Amino acid sequence: MIYSSKSNENIQIIPRYKKKIKKLNNLKTARIYVALFLAILLIGFYYYFREHIVVRLDIPLKSNVKKENLKKYMMQELDHIGYIEPELQVTLDERIIHLDLKGAPPKISYFSRLFPLIAELGGTGILIEYEDMFPYNGTILKNVSALNAYSLKEITIINRLARENNLKVIPLIQTFGHLEFLLKLQQYKDYREVFAYPQVICPSHPHTMSLIEDMIDQIIASHPDIEMLHIGCDEVYYLGFCERCTNRMINDNVSKNLLFLEHVKAISQILNKKYPHIRILLWDDQFRSMTETDLAEVKLNENLEPVIWRYTKEVYDELGPSLWDMYSKIFRKVWIASAYKGAIGSNKYMSDVNHYLQNHRSWLSVVAEHKRRVNFRGIIMAGWQRYDHFAVLCELLPIGIPALAMSLRLLKGFKDSPLSPPTEVSKVLKCHQPYGLIGSAFGSPKCEFPGTYIFHFAV
């Protein structure tokens, strides 16, 4: 018998079996620890291979490769799948941080703390999207600015702060779509492509170009040292709808694509004539549905540099090789655009750091594969405050700073383990609990970076 049954209240294990049971318990504990160790090891291998090799399953295996050509063949295949050799790590000289001012614009005093942090983290410039926060004046634009718009003196301070921290300044002016801040006003309703929607300006309106030129002149005058200007032109949802455009399309045999391209060309010609030293940036999404012939026939300005944007985790798979082949033939230089905040939902108030890190990893794989034929000038890291002028706020600027810091570290070539807390970033952001930077599930990181109180309130 194993158990003594003199009473139901005092059932005891016979002493000679205690050692065996103890050994069994120890063995079970050991198995649990071994299983946990193996699980962590497998997760580590998974993240290592995901970071270093992007596997493409559509590459056909080639046979009959001669021995003398084996090394060359292997290098071609590794380049094709996006493998990054240690000595050929992807580097992007320009790392520009987008500041979207169309929602909850920061005070100038905040920029005095933010700009040094951006420089310390590895940013090289700022892309400022003013919308109605710029103090427009004059007959045409006198009522466009918001009541809380910056003054010209404050913009001078922004320029000085950027210069003191070795940050380039690139203003962004919407010149086609996303002109809600202007077209919502009664005096500009006739400029709308679709009367019911104040989103797109009509490219055929006789006064459109003079209005845009006035905006450009005022922006450049208040930023006298700039080398680049971003003219927007993304998400032009309504084109060829108004009577002026439809008549133009019929009479001149013009397609919607050509309407778009001629508008972009007209803006670039104004800039090239008045400011030939300024390079022109614009979002690329409207180009994606066009053919190489469409783009080649219009003969766009050589100073034009498209910014290819994608904020998902699988950029490599979503932007196919045909797009890069077309851009390499049409444009001398291109930019890419990732996101560090405001790209996971129009009403999200907390960041998903892992999403943004994977977005940057995927972009690095794209650059690694196509860098031999495409001249990548740099990356713009988008940080949206609203999806459009009428949308709700999403992921306020301080909420996105941890993702910005970790993404910049990735772009600078550091290969931090995803299984370890971001200790180096936590030092810069002065965080007491580094794991909290990864996500809200780990609690508050208890940091001291600019705007921390907003971040902690959201967490």
Protein backbone atom coordinates (compact mmCIF):
# COMPACT_ATOMS: atom_id res chain seq x y z
CA MET A 1 0.00 0.00 0.00
CA ILE A 2 1.13 3.52 -0.81
CA TYR A 3 -1.27 5.33 1.48
CA SER A 4 -2.06 4.71 5.16
CA SER A 5 -5.84 4.64 5.62
CA LYS A 6 -6.29 4.54 9.38
CA SER A 7 -8.50 7.62 9.05
CA ASN A 8 -9.89 9.72 6.27
CA GLU A 9 -8.50 12.86 7.94
CA ASN A 10 -4.87 11.78 8.08
CA ILE A 11 -3.94 10.31 4.71
CA GLN A 12 -0.14 10.44 4.51
CA ILE A 13 2.50 9.30 2.01
CA ILE A 14 4.68 6.47 3.27
CA PRO A 15 8.21 7.93 3.85
CA ARG A 16 10.06 5.66 1.42
CA TYR A 17 8.16 7.23 -1.52
CA LYS A 18 8.85 10.85 -0.59
CA LYS A 19 12.27 10.94 -2.29
CA LYS A 20 10.88 9.48 -5.54
CA ILE A 21 8.04 12.01 -5.65
CA LYS A 22 10.48 14.84 -4.95
CA LYS A 23 12.65 13.67 -7.85
CA LEU A 24 9.60 13.59 -10.14
CA ASN A 25 8.66 17.15 -9.14
CA ASN A 26 12.22 18.33 -9.81
CA LEU A 27 12.15 16.62 -13.20
CA LYS A 28 8.90 18.36 -14.12
CA THR A 29 10.34 21.73 -13.14
CA ALA A 30 13.46 21.07 -15.20
CA ARG A 31 11.34 20.17 -18.24
CA ILE A 32 9.41 23.45 -17.92
CA TYR A 33 12.64 25.45 -17.82
CA VAL A 34 14.04 23.57 -20.84
CA ALA A 35 10.80 24.18 -22.78
CA LEU A 36 10.91 27.92 -21.96
CA PHE A 37 14.57 28.11 -23.00
CA LEU A 38 13.85 26.40 -26.34
CA ALA A 39 10.85 28.68 -26.98
CA ILE A 40 12.95 31.80 -26.37
CA LEU A 41 15.70 30.38 -28.60
CA LEU A 42 13.23 29.72 -31.45
CA ILE A 43 11.76 33.22 -31.13
CA GLY A 44 15.27 34.66 -31.23
CA PHE A 45 16.12 32.73 -34.43
CA TYR A 46 12.83 33.84 -36.00
CA TYR A 47 13.49 37.56 -35.40
CA TYR A 48 17.14 37.21 -36.45
CA PHE A 49 16.27 35.72 -39.83
CA ARG A 50 13.37 38.13 -40.32
CA GLU A 51 15.73 41.09 -39.79
CA HIS A 52 18.60 39.83 -41.91
CA ILE A 53 16.96 37.93 -44.78
CA VAL A 54 13.77 38.74 -46.65
CA VAL A 55 12.76 35.48 -48.30
CA ARG A 56 10.95 35.58 -51.59
CA LEU A 57 9.33 32.32 -52.61
CA ASP A 58 8.76 33.28 -56.23
CA ILE A 59 12.46 33.06 -57.22
CA PRO A 60 12.98 30.05 -59.51
CA LEU A 61 15.95 27.85 -58.73
CA LYS A 62 18.56 27.87 -61.45
CA SER A 63 20.57 24.82 -62.38
CA ASN A 64 23.75 24.17 -64.38
CA VAL A 65 25.61 27.08 -62.82
CA LYS A 66 29.29 26.87 -63.75
CA LYS A 67 31.76 26.72 -60.88
CA GLU A 68 33.61 29.89 -61.92
CA ASN A 69 30.32 31.82 -62.01
CA LEU A 70 29.03 30.48 -58.69
CA LYS A 71 30.18 33.43 -56.58
CA LYS A 72 28.73 35.94 -59.02
CA TYR A 73 25.47 33.98 -59.20
CA MET A 74 25.19 33.79 -55.41
CA MET A 75 25.74 37.54 -55.06
CA GLN A 76 23.03 38.21 -57.64
CA GLU A 77 20.57 35.95 -55.85
CA LEU A 78 21.34 37.46 -52.44
CA ASP A 79 20.85 40.94 -53.87
CA HIS A 80 17.59 39.80 -55.49
CA ILE A 81 16.06 38.56 -52.22
CA GLY A 82 17.08 41.64 -50.28
CA TYR A 83 19.87 40.17 -48.17
CA ILE A 84 22.03 42.86 -46.59
CA GLU A 85 25.69 41.97 -46.28
CA PRO A 86 27.33 43.22 -43.07
CA GLU A 87 29.80 45.35 -45.02
CA LEU A 88 27.06 46.69 -47.31
CA GLN A 89 24.48 47.79 -44.76
CA VAL A 90 21.83 50.13 -46.11
CA THR A 91 22.48 53.76 -45.23
CA LEU A 92 20.19 56.67 -45.94
CA ASP A 93 22.01 59.99 -45.73
CA GLU A 94 18.89 62.04 -45.07
CA ARG A 95 16.47 61.17 -42.28
CA ILE A 96 13.75 63.84 -42.32
CA ILE A 97 11.12 64.04 -39.57
CA HIS A 98 7.63 65.13 -40.64
CA LEU A 99 5.82 67.57 -38.36
CA ASP A 100 2.12 67.76 -39.20
CA LEU A 101 0.71 71.05 -37.86
CA LYS A 102 -2.91 70.65 -38.98
CA GLY A 103 -3.89 69.32 -35.57
CA ALA A 104 -2.69 70.26 -32.07
CA PRO A 105 0.28 72.31 -33.35
CA PRO A 106 3.05 72.62 -30.73
CA LYS A 107 4.08 75.88 -29.14
CA ILE A 108 7.39 77.35 -30.25
CA SER A 109 8.83 76.62 -26.79
CA TYR A 110 8.24 72.91 -27.42
CA PHE A 111 10.35 73.03 -30.59
CA SER A 112 13.26 74.38 -28.52
CA ARG A 113 13.25 71.05 -26.64
CA LEU A 114 12.19 68.79 -29.52
CA PHE A 115 14.78 69.81 -32.13
CA PRO A 116 17.84 68.95 -29.97
CA LEU A 117 16.27 65.55 -29.26
CA ILE A 118 15.66 64.89 -32.98
CA ALA A 119 19.29 65.75 -33.72
CA GLU A 120 20.56 63.54 -30.89
CA LEU A 121 18.47 60.61 -32.13
CA GLY A 122 19.90 60.90 -35.66
CA GLY A 123 17.43 63.05 -37.59
CA THR A 124 18.93 65.33 -40.24
CA GLY A 125 15.98 67.59 -41.00
CA ILE A 126 12.32 68.44 -40.51
CA LEU A 127 9.46 68.49 -43.02
CA ILE A 128 6.97 71.11 -41.77
CA GLU A 129 3.42 70.83 -43.05
CA TYR A 130 1.92 74.17 -42.01
CA GLU A 131 -1.55 74.12 -43.61
CA ASP A 132 -3.37 77.09 -42.01
CA MET A 133 -0.73 77.54 -39.27
CA PHE A 134 1.31 79.69 -41.66
CA PRO A 135 0.60 83.46 -41.44
CA TYR A 136 -0.51 84.09 -45.03
CA ASN A 137 -1.20 87.70 -45.96
CA GLY A 138 -2.06 89.79 -49.00
CA THR A 139 -5.20 90.24 -51.06
CA ILE A 140 -5.60 86.65 -52.21
CA LEU A 141 -4.72 84.75 -49.00
CA LYS A 142 -5.52 87.18 -46.19
CA ASN A 143 -8.28 85.03 -44.58
CA VAL A 144 -6.67 81.60 -44.94
CA SER A 145 -4.62 81.42 -41.72
CA ALA A 146 -6.03 79.99 -38.49
CA LEU A 147 -6.61 82.29 -35.53
CA ASN A 148 -3.77 80.55 -33.66
CA ALA A 149 -1.37 80.58 -36.63
CA TYR A 150 2.31 81.19 -35.99
CA SER A 151 3.63 84.68 -36.60
CA LEU A 152 6.46 85.42 -39.03
CA LYS A 153 8.65 86.11 -35.99
CA GLU A 154 7.88 82.64 -34.61
CA ILE A 155 8.74 81.05 -37.96
CA THR A 156 12.06 82.88 -37.82
CA ILE A 157 12.61 81.23 -34.44
CA ILE A 158 11.77 77.79 -35.91
CA ASN A 159 14.37 78.36 -38.63
CA ARG A 160 16.96 79.44 -36.06
CA LEU A 161 16.30 76.45 -33.78
CA ALA A 162 16.64 74.09 -36.74
CA ARG A 163 19.89 75.74 -37.85
CA GLU A 164 21.35 75.56 -34.33
CA ASN A 165 20.68 71.82 -34.29
CA ASN A 166 21.96 71.19 -37.85
CA LEU A 167 18.50 70.25 -39.10
CA LYS A 168 17.42 71.04 -42.65
CA VAL A 169 14.01 72.69 -43.01
CA ILE A 170 11.69 71.52 -45.81
CA PRO A 171 8.29 73.29 -45.92
CA LEU A 172 5.35 71.30 -47.29
CA ILE A 173 2.63 73.15 -49.22
CA GLN A 174 -0.41 71.28 -50.46
CA THR A 175 -0.94 72.37 -54.07
CA PHE A 176 -3.59 69.95 -55.40
CA GLY A 177 -5.35 67.60 -52.97
CA HIS A 178 -5.81 68.06 -49.22
CA LEU A 179 -6.55 71.76 -49.63
CA GLU A 180 -9.51 71.60 -47.24
CA PHE A 181 -8.08 74.37 -45.06
CA LEU A 182 -8.42 76.77 -48.00
CA LEU A 183 -11.31 75.38 -50.04
CA LYS A 184 -13.63 75.16 -47.00
CA LEU A 185 -13.81 78.96 -46.96
CA GLN A 186 -16.65 80.70 -48.74
CA GLN A 187 -14.40 82.91 -50.86
CA TYR A 188 -12.62 79.89 -52.40
CA LYS A 189 -15.57 77.58 -53.08
CA ASP A 190 -15.39 78.32 -56.81
CA TYR A 191 -11.90 76.80 -56.89
CA ARG A 192 -13.21 73.35 -55.88
CA GLU A 193 -13.02 70.52 -58.37
CA VAL A 194 -16.23 69.11 -56.86
CA PHE A 195 -18.42 71.79 -55.31
CA ALA A 196 -19.65 69.53 -52.48
CA TYR A 197 -16.15 68.45 -51.39
CA PRO A 198 -13.48 71.03 -50.47
CA GLN A 199 -10.60 68.61 -51.00
CA VAL A 200 -9.15 69.11 -54.50
CA ILE A 201 -8.48 72.39 -56.27
CA CYS A 202 -9.51 72.66 -59.91
CA PRO A 203 -6.38 72.60 -62.12
CA SER A 204 -8.31 74.34 -64.93
CA HIS A 205 -9.55 77.33 -62.94
CA PRO A 206 -7.99 80.49 -64.45
CA HIS A 207 -6.76 81.76 -61.06
CA THR A 208 -5.53 78.47 -59.51
CA MET A 209 -1.90 78.97 -60.49
CA SER A 210 -1.72 82.55 -59.24
CA LEU A 211 -3.14 81.45 -55.88
CA ILE A 212 -0.62 78.59 -55.55
CA GLU A 213 2.24 80.82 -56.69
CA ASP A 214 1.35 83.36 -53.98
CA MET A 215 1.44 80.59 -51.34
CA ILE A 216 4.81 79.38 -52.59
CA ASP A 217 6.31 82.89 -52.65
CA GLN A 218 5.26 83.61 -49.07
CA ILE A 219 6.52 80.26 -47.74
CA ILE A 220 9.91 80.60 -49.44
CA ALA A 221 10.28 84.23 -48.36
CA SER A 222 9.92 83.17 -44.72
CA HIS A 223 12.38 80.26 -45.21
CA PRO A 224 15.18 81.93 -47.17
CA ASP A 225 17.77 79.18 -46.65
CA ILE A 226 15.79 76.16 -47.85
CA GLU A 227 17.13 73.84 -50.53
CA MET A 228 13.95 71.77 -50.97
CA LEU A 229 10.21 72.37 -51.10
CA HIS A 230 7.51 69.69 -50.86
CA ILE A 231 4.41 70.42 -52.98
CA GLY A 232 2.17 67.61 -51.65
CA CYS A 233 -0.06 66.31 -54.50
CA ASP A 234 -1.15 63.10 -52.75
CA GLU A 235 -4.62 61.54 -52.71
CA VAL A 236 -6.14 63.72 -55.43
CA TYR A 237 -9.40 61.81 -55.28
CA TYR A 238 -11.52 64.08 -57.48
CA LEU A 239 -10.13 64.97 -60.88
CA GLY A 240 -11.86 65.70 -64.17
CA PHE A 241 -15.28 66.29 -62.58
CA CYS A 242 -15.92 70.01 -62.89
CA GLU A 243 -17.23 71.64 -66.06
CA ARG A 244 -13.94 73.41 -66.78
CA CYS A 245 -11.93 70.15 -66.59
CA THR A 246 -14.42 68.05 -68.57
CA ASN A 247 -14.50 70.65 -71.37
CA ARG A 248 -10.71 70.72 -71.39
CA MET A 249 -10.53 66.92 -71.54
CA ILE A 250 -12.96 66.80 -74.46
CA ASN A 251 -11.63 69.75 -76.46
CA ASP A 252 -7.92 69.02 -75.95
CA ASN A 253 -8.18 65.22 -75.79
CA VAL A 254 -6.65 65.23 -72.30
CA SER A 255 -6.85 62.28 -69.88
CA LYS A 256 -7.16 62.55 -66.10
CA ASN A 257 -3.54 61.47 -65.78
CA LEU A 258 -2.48 64.25 -68.10
CA LEU A 259 -4.55 66.78 -66.14
CA PHE A 260 -2.58 65.81 -63.05
CA LEU A 261 0.81 65.83 -64.78
CA GLU A 262 0.28 69.18 -66.48
CA HIS A 263 -0.69 70.74 -63.14
CA VAL A 264 2.47 69.36 -61.50
CA LYS A 265 4.57 70.50 -64.45
CA ALA A 266 3.12 74.04 -64.28
CA ILE A 267 4.02 74.32 -60.57
CA SER A 268 7.52 72.96 -61.15
CA GLN A 269 8.06 75.45 -63.99
CA ILE A 270 7.15 78.35 -61.69
CA LEU A 271 9.61 77.09 -59.10
CA ASN A 272 12.35 76.41 -61.61
CA LYS A 273 12.02 79.90 -63.10
CA LYS A 274 11.91 81.85 -59.83
CA TYR A 275 13.89 79.53 -57.52
CA PRO A 276 16.13 77.31 -59.69
CA HIS A 277 18.25 76.25 -56.69
CA ILE A 278 15.29 74.57 -54.95
CA ARG A 279 14.63 70.86 -55.46
CA ILE A 280 10.96 69.88 -55.65
CA LEU A 281 9.53 66.96 -53.67
CA LEU A 282 6.02 65.52 -54.02
CA TRP A 283 4.15 62.40 -52.91
CA ASP A 284 4.18 59.67 -55.53
CA ASP A 285 0.84 57.83 -55.19
CA GLN A 286 -0.80 59.47 -58.23
CA PHE A 287 2.10 58.27 -60.42
CA ARG A 288 1.57 54.60 -59.54
CA SER A 289 -1.40 54.10 -61.85
CA MET A 290 0.41 55.73 -64.78
CA THR A 291 2.62 54.19 -67.41
CA GLU A 292 6.21 55.00 -68.21
CA THR A 293 4.98 56.56 -71.46
CA ASP A 294 2.61 58.89 -69.58
CA LEU A 295 5.42 60.19 -67.40
CA ALA A 296 8.01 60.40 -70.20
CA GLU A 297 5.79 62.37 -72.59
CA VAL A 298 5.15 65.23 -70.17
CA LYS A 299 8.89 65.73 -69.51
CA LEU A 300 8.73 66.68 -65.86
CA ASN A 301 11.30 68.96 -64.31
CA GLU A 302 14.65 67.31 -63.56
CA ASN A 303 14.54 68.88 -60.09
CA LEU A 304 11.42 66.85 -59.31
CA GLU A 305 12.00 64.06 -56.76
CA PRO A 306 9.03 61.81 -55.89
CA VAL A 307 8.54 60.60 -52.33
CA ILE A 308 7.34 56.99 -52.39
CA TRP A 309 5.23 56.49 -49.26
CA ARG A 310 3.92 53.35 -47.62
CA TYR A 311 3.18 52.88 -43.93
CA THR A 312 2.34 49.18 -43.70
CA LYS A 313 4.46 46.34 -42.32
CA GLU A 314 4.94 44.66 -45.72
CA VAL A 315 6.19 47.41 -48.02
CA TYR A 316 8.48 44.97 -49.81
CA ASP A 317 5.54 42.87 -51.03
CA GLU A 318 3.15 45.74 -51.74
CA LEU A 319 5.36 47.89 -53.98
CA GLY A 320 6.37 45.56 -56.78
CA PRO A 321 9.53 45.64 -58.92
CA SER A 322 7.75 47.18 -61.92
CA LEU A 323 7.22 50.41 -59.96
CA TRP A 324 10.92 50.70 -59.14
CA ASP A 325 11.83 49.88 -62.72
CA MET A 326 9.62 52.72 -64.00
CA TYR A 327 10.87 55.24 -61.44
CA SER A 328 14.51 54.38 -62.13
CA LYS A 329 13.99 55.33 -65.79
CA ILE A 330 12.02 58.54 -65.19
CA PHE A 331 13.47 60.14 -62.05
CA ARG A 332 17.11 60.84 -61.28
CA LYS A 333 16.54 60.71 -57.52
CA VAL A 334 13.74 59.50 -55.27
CA TRP A 335 12.84 59.51 -51.60
CA ILE A 336 11.01 56.97 -49.51
CA ALA A 337 8.54 57.70 -46.71
CA SER A 338 7.86 55.58 -43.65
CA ALA A 339 5.81 56.47 -40.57
CA TYR A 340 6.55 56.86 -36.89
CA LYS A 341 3.01 57.78 -35.83
CA GLY A 342 -0.49 58.45 -37.14
CA ALA A 343 -0.62 55.55 -39.61
CA ILE A 344 -2.49 52.74 -37.83
CA GLY A 345 -5.96 54.30 -37.60
CA SER A 346 -7.62 57.68 -37.88
CA ASN A 347 -8.80 57.65 -34.26
CA LYS A 348 -5.96 55.81 -32.51
CA TYR A 349 -4.52 57.60 -29.50
CA MET A 350 -1.78 55.08 -28.60
CA SER A 351 1.16 54.01 -30.75
CA ASP A 352 1.97 50.50 -31.98
CA VAL A 353 5.77 50.58 -31.82
CA ASN A 354 6.21 47.13 -33.36
CA HIS A 355 4.14 48.15 -36.40
CA TYR A 356 6.32 51.18 -37.07
CA LEU A 357 9.57 49.27 -36.52
CA GLN A 358 8.48 46.59 -38.98
CA ASN A 359 7.52 49.30 -41.46
CA HIS A 360 11.11 50.59 -41.33
CA ARG A 361 12.62 47.09 -41.55
CA SER A 362 10.55 46.42 -44.65
CA TRP A 363 11.67 49.70 -46.23
CA LEU A 364 15.31 48.82 -45.58
CA SER A 365 14.76 45.55 -47.45
CA VAL A 366 13.32 47.47 -50.40
CA VAL A 367 16.29 49.85 -50.49
CA ALA A 368 18.74 46.95 -50.20
CA GLU A 369 17.27 45.26 -53.26
CA HIS A 370 16.89 48.28 -55.54
CA LYS A 371 19.77 50.54 -54.49
CA ARG A 372 21.93 49.52 -57.45
CA ARG A 373 19.50 50.99 -59.98
CA VAL A 374 17.49 53.54 -57.96
CA ASN A 375 19.14 56.61 -56.45
CA PHE A 376 17.58 56.86 -52.98
CA ARG A 377 18.26 60.33 -51.59
CA GLY A 378 16.81 59.72 -48.13
CA ILE A 379 13.77 58.89 -46.03
CA ILE A 380 10.93 61.04 -44.71
CA MET A 381 9.42 59.69 -41.49
CA ALA A 382 5.78 60.75 -41.51
CA GLY A 383 3.98 61.66 -38.29
CA TRP A 384 0.34 62.47 -39.00
CA GLN A 385 -1.81 64.43 -36.53
CA ARG A 386 -5.02 64.05 -38.56
CA TYR A 387 -5.87 62.06 -41.67
CA ASP A 388 -7.29 65.24 -43.17
CA HIS A 389 -8.30 68.73 -42.07
CA PHE A 390 -11.73 67.60 -40.81
CA ALA A 391 -10.66 64.35 -39.12
CA VAL A 392 -10.18 63.73 -35.41
CA LEU A 393 -6.74 63.83 -33.82
CA CYS A 394 -4.65 60.67 -33.77
CA GLU A 395 -1.44 59.79 -31.90
CA LEU A 396 -0.31 63.19 -30.68
CA LEU A 397 3.33 64.09 -31.27
CA PRO A 398 4.71 63.05 -27.83
CA ILE A 399 2.96 59.66 -28.20
CA GLY A 400 5.09 58.91 -31.26
CA ILE A 401 8.50 59.87 -29.84
CA PRO A 402 9.46 56.35 -28.57
CA ALA A 403 8.66 54.83 -32.00
CA LEU A 404 10.55 57.68 -33.67
CA ALA A 405 13.60 57.10 -31.47
CA MET A 406 13.70 53.32 -32.04
CA SER A 407 13.07 53.69 -35.79
CA LEU A 408 15.89 56.23 -36.17
CA ARG A 409 18.23 53.87 -34.34
CA LEU A 410 17.26 51.13 -36.81
CA LEU A 411 17.88 53.45 -39.78
CA LYS A 412 21.32 54.30 -38.41
CA GLY A 413 22.30 50.63 -38.68
CA PHE A 414 21.93 49.37 -35.13
CA LYS A 415 20.59 45.82 -34.85
CA ASP A 416 19.04 45.76 -31.40
CA SER A 417 17.48 42.45 -30.35
CA PRO A 418 13.66 42.56 -30.34
CA LEU A 419 13.76 40.32 -27.24
CA SER A 420 15.64 42.88 -25.18
CA PRO A 421 14.43 46.24 -23.87
CA PRO A 422 15.57 49.27 -25.93
CA THR A 423 18.16 50.31 -23.35
CA GLU A 424 20.08 52.77 -25.55
CA VAL A 425 16.88 54.59 -26.53
CA SER A 426 15.74 54.61 -22.91
CA LYS A 427 18.95 56.40 -21.95
CA VAL A 428 18.30 59.20 -24.45
CA LEU A 429 14.63 59.48 -23.45
CA LYS A 430 15.54 59.15 -19.75
CA CYS A 431 13.21 56.22 -19.10
CA HIS A 432 13.30 54.23 -15.87
CA GLN A 433 11.44 51.19 -17.25
CA PRO A 434 12.75 50.47 -20.79
CA TYR A 435 10.29 47.63 -21.47
CA GLY A 436 7.46 50.17 -21.27
CA LEU A 437 8.71 51.72 -24.54
CA ILE A 438 7.73 48.59 -26.46
CA GLY A 439 4.05 48.84 -25.65
CA SER A 440 1.43 49.82 -23.10
CA ALA A 441 1.11 46.19 -21.97
CA PHE A 442 4.38 46.63 -20.06
CA GLY A 443 3.12 49.71 -18.22
CA SER A 444 4.52 53.20 -18.24
CA PRO A 445 8.23 53.58 -19.11
CA LYS A 446 8.42 56.61 -16.79
CA CYS A 447 10.41 58.83 -19.16
CA GLU A 448 11.43 62.49 -19.18
CA PHE A 449 11.46 63.44 -22.88
CA PRO A 450 9.64 66.56 -24.18
CA GLY A 451 5.88 66.05 -23.78
CA THR A 452 6.23 63.10 -21.41
CA TYR A 453 3.19 64.10 -19.38
CA ILE A 454 0.94 63.61 -22.45
CA PHE A 455 2.55 60.25 -23.15
CA HIS A 456 2.07 59.05 -19.56
CA PHE A 457 -1.51 60.30 -19.51
CA ALA A 458 -2.31 58.23 -22.62
CA VAL A 459 -0.56 55.12 -21.26
